[in-house]
Protein backbone atom coordinates (compact mmCIF):
# COMPACT_ATOMS: atom_id res chain seq x y z
CA MET A 1 130.12 103.32 100.54
CA ALA A 2 133.10 104.92 102.48
CA ASN A 3 135.61 103.01 100.19
CA MET A 4 134.25 103.96 97.01
CA PRO A 5 134.10 107.90 97.31
CA SER A 6 133.78 108.78 93.88
CA ILE A 7 131.11 106.06 92.66
CA ALA A 8 129.28 107.28 96.16
CA LYS A 9 129.38 110.89 94.99
CA SER A 10 128.05 110.25 91.54
CA LEU A 11 125.32 108.18 93.11
CA LYS A 12 124.33 110.67 95.87
CA GLU A 13 124.16 113.14 92.98
CA LYS A 14 121.80 111.23 90.82
CA PHE A 15 119.39 109.98 93.55
CA CYS A 16 119.39 112.17 96.46
CA GLN A 17 120.04 115.59 95.69
CA GLY A 18 117.13 117.83 94.30
CA ASP A 19 114.43 115.40 94.08
CA ASN A 20 115.46 112.21 96.85
CA THR A 21 112.06 110.56 96.79
CA HIS A 22 113.97 107.55 94.92
CA CYS A 23 117.04 107.89 97.10
CA ALA A 24 117.31 104.50 99.35
CA ARG A 25 118.89 105.93 102.11
CA TYR A 26 116.41 108.87 102.18
CA VAL A 27 113.56 106.73 102.05
CA VAL A 28 114.67 104.76 104.95
CA LEU A 29 115.58 107.78 106.86
CA LYS A 30 112.20 109.20 106.64
CA ALA A 31 110.70 105.60 107.65
CA LEU A 32 113.08 104.62 110.34
CA GLY A 33 115.29 107.74 111.70
CA LYS A 34 119.02 108.65 110.83
CA GLU A 35 120.38 106.01 113.15
CA LYS A 36 118.64 103.19 111.22
CA VAL A 37 120.40 103.96 107.97
CA PRO A 38 122.97 101.20 107.08
CA GLY A 39 126.50 102.52 106.28
CA ASN A 40 126.75 100.57 103.19
CA LEU A 41 122.93 101.42 101.80
CA PHE A 42 123.60 102.74 98.00
CA PRO A 43 121.48 105.49 97.19
CA ASN A 44 119.95 103.43 94.11
CA ASP A 45 119.27 99.97 95.83
CA GLU A 46 115.60 100.44 96.51
CA ASN A 47 115.12 96.76 97.45
CA GLU A 48 117.63 96.51 99.82
CA ALA A 49 115.88 99.56 101.79
CA LYS A 50 112.50 97.80 101.56
CA LYS A 51 114.24 95.22 103.67
CA VAL A 52 115.68 97.42 106.13
CA ILE A 53 112.14 98.99 106.43
CA SER A 54 110.44 95.91 106.92
CA LYS A 55 113.04 94.67 109.43
CA GLY A 56 111.95 97.85 111.55
């Protein structure tokens, strides 16, 4: 997400600010901790978040 700052900002605003229960990054953070959140995980990618969590 670092190479797409405008897209990342827009997605973060929609999924992560306010009610962040649908933010894929937040879901992984709560399940596994900050260090396990992939840098390339988009806030709207709930399927990938589930994969990350299942791998622990």
